[in-house]
């Protein structure tokens, strides 16, 4: 499977994810949460930053089911979903991932017709350290 492209600004996100923690970058001066990570706060232009834990709860803002899969590595799992999740404590932050039935479940474990915009989800982490999402209510 594919691995994320890690840059200097985003490296801490992936380090926390590998430990099973969902954290997002925050301005250490004004406190504004931001994603994707970047060196300067878009609100107050400070370069001070920290990584804050977030609840890992959110809702599906949008989704797509690729047909055929865009990447050959995922062909055997098609059809699968790709969801855009709006974080509960920071609705302006949206993270991309997959909706799966349970932690460790394959990408195709939730049928496409069961994915709903607005559905509550929470984060889980795969053995590969990638954040994925499970329904809050089955």
Protein backbone atom coordinates (compact mmCIF):
# COMPACT_ATOMS: atom_id res chain seq x y z
CA UNK A 1 0.00 0.00 0.00
CA UNK A 2 1.00 3.59 -0.41
CA UNK A 3 2.74 5.58 2.29
CA UNK A 4 2.19 9.29 2.91
CA UNK A 5 4.61 11.85 1.50
CA UNK A 6 6.09 13.41 4.63
CA UNK A 7 7.45 16.94 4.59
CA UNK A 8 9.05 18.96 7.41
CA UNK A 9 5.83 20.76 8.37
CA UNK A 10 3.70 17.61 8.40
CA UNK A 11 6.21 15.17 9.94
CA UNK A 12 4.85 15.57 13.51
CA UNK A 13 1.33 14.68 12.31
CA UNK A 14 2.59 11.34 11.02
CA UNK A 15 4.77 10.71 14.09
CA UNK A 16 1.74 11.15 16.39
CA UNK A 17 -0.45 9.04 14.06
CA UNK A 18 2.11 6.20 14.20
CA UNK A 19 1.55 6.25 18.00
CA UNK A 20 -2.22 6.21 17.56
CA UNK A 21 -2.74 9.89 18.38
CA UNK A 22 -4.65 12.41 16.29
CA UNK A 23 -3.07 15.83 16.72
CA UNK A 24 -3.28 18.96 14.63
CA UNK A 25 -1.00 21.93 14.43
CA UNK A 26 -2.01 25.01 16.44
CA UNK A 27 -0.65 28.51 16.68
CA UNK A 28 1.16 28.83 20.01
CA UNK A 29 0.28 32.56 20.07
CA UNK A 30 -3.40 32.88 19.02
CA UNK A 31 -4.39 29.23 19.59
CA UNK A 32 -5.99 28.72 16.16
CA UNK A 33 -5.95 25.10 14.95
CA UNK A 34 -4.76 24.61 11.38
CA UNK A 35 -4.46 21.87 8.81
CA UNK A 36 -2.64 21.17 6.61
CA UNK A 37 0.44 22.03 8.68
CA UNK A 38 2.44 25.06 7.64
CA UNK A 39 5.13 27.25 9.16
CA UNK A 40 3.09 30.43 9.59
CA UNK A 41 -0.32 30.98 11.20
CA UNK A 42 -2.77 32.27 8.57
CA UNK A 43 -4.67 34.20 11.27
CA UNK A 44 -1.97 36.12 13.16
CA UNK A 45 1.14 35.38 11.03
CA UNK A 46 3.04 33.95 14.01
CA UNK A 47 5.65 31.27 13.44
CA UNK A 48 5.11 29.81 16.94
CA UNK A 49 3.44 26.42 16.78
CA UNK A 50 2.49 23.37 18.80
CA UNK A 51 0.67 20.09 18.18
CA UNK A 52 -2.58 19.67 20.09
CA UNK A 53 -4.52 16.46 20.60
CA UNK A 54 -8.06 16.48 19.22
CA UNK A 55 -10.95 14.19 20.12
CA UNK A 56 -10.90 12.24 16.87
CA UNK A 57 -14.65 12.74 16.48
CA UNK A 58 -16.17 14.34 13.42
CA UNK A 59 -18.70 13.93 10.67
CA UNK A 60 -18.48 12.97 7.03
CA UNK A 61 -18.47 16.19 5.05
CA UNK A 62 -18.13 14.53 1.65
CA UNK A 63 -17.03 11.26 0.08
CA UNK A 64 -16.24 9.56 -3.20
CA UNK A 65 -16.14 5.95 -4.37
CA UNK A 66 -13.50 5.60 -7.09
CA UNK A 67 -14.60 3.44 -10.06
CA UNK A 68 -12.24 2.15 -11.31
CA UNK A 69 -9.63 2.76 -8.60
CA UNK A 70 -7.27 5.54 -9.46
CA UNK A 71 -4.24 3.68 -8.12
CA UNK A 72 -3.31 0.12 -9.12
CA UNK A 73 -2.30 -0.76 -5.52
CA UNK A 74 -5.97 -0.44 -4.52
CA UNK A 75 -7.59 -2.32 -7.44
CA UNK A 76 -8.23 -5.49 -5.42
CA UNK A 77 -10.14 -3.46 -2.79
CA UNK A 78 -12.47 -1.67 -5.21
CA UNK A 79 -15.00 -0.39 -4.68
CA UNK A 80 -13.87 1.45 -1.56
CA UNK A 81 -14.68 4.86 -0.16
CA UNK A 82 -12.60 7.95 0.46
CA UNK A 83 -14.18 10.27 3.01
CA UNK A 84 -13.56 13.89 3.92
CA UNK A 85 -14.14 14.27 7.67
CA UNK A 86 -14.89 17.57 9.38
CA UNK A 87 -13.42 17.57 12.90
CA UNK A 88 -15.87 18.16 15.76
CA UNK A 89 -13.76 20.77 17.55
CA UNK A 90 -12.56 22.51 14.41
CA UNK A 91 -15.16 22.27 11.59
CA UNK A 92 -12.86 24.24 9.27
CA UNK A 93 -10.39 21.33 9.41
CA UNK A 94 -11.19 18.41 7.16
CA UNK A 95 -9.11 15.25 6.94
CA UNK A 96 -9.12 12.67 4.15
CA UNK A 97 -9.33 8.98 4.97
CA UNK A 98 -11.42 5.86 4.57
CA UNK A 99 -14.53 4.77 6.42
CA UNK A 100 -13.96 1.23 7.70
CA UNK A 101 -16.12 -1.13 9.77
CA UNK A 102 -13.61 -1.44 12.65
CA UNK A 103 -9.99 -0.80 13.52
CA UNK A 104 -7.86 -2.99 11.27
CA UNK A 105 -10.69 -3.67 8.81
CA UNK A 106 -9.91 -3.44 5.07
CA UNK A 107 -10.76 -0.35 3.02
CA UNK A 108 -13.69 -2.14 1.38
CA UNK A 109 -15.31 -3.17 4.70
CA UNK A 110 -18.10 -0.56 4.50
CA UNK A 111 -20.34 -0.87 1.43
CA UNK A 112 -20.51 2.35 -0.58
CA UNK A 113 -24.28 2.56 -0.16
CA UNK A 114 -23.84 2.80 3.63
CA UNK A 115 -21.71 5.96 3.56
CA UNK A 116 -23.72 9.07 4.44
CA UNK A 117 -22.79 12.74 4.44
CA UNK A 118 -23.27 14.08 7.96
CA UNK A 119 -22.73 10.69 9.66
CA UNK A 120 -20.75 10.82 12.90
CA UNK A 121 -17.38 9.08 12.86
CA UNK A 122 -14.34 8.66 15.06
CA UNK A 123 -10.73 8.03 14.19
CA UNK A 124 -8.92 4.71 14.46
CA UNK A 125 -5.41 3.92 13.31
CA UNK A 126 -4.30 1.08 11.11
CA UNK A 127 -1.14 -0.95 11.70
CA UNK A 128 0.37 1.27 9.00
CA UNK A 129 -0.21 4.38 11.17
CA UNK A 130 -2.75 5.86 8.78
CA UNK A 131 -5.83 7.44 10.32
CA UNK A 132 -9.11 5.83 9.27
CA UNK A 133 -12.66 6.46 10.41
CA UNK A 134 -15.34 4.21 11.88
CA UNK A 135 -19.04 5.00 12.32
CA UNK A 136 -19.95 6.30 15.77
CA UNK A 137 -23.18 4.31 15.55
CA UNK A 138 -23.27 1.10 13.53
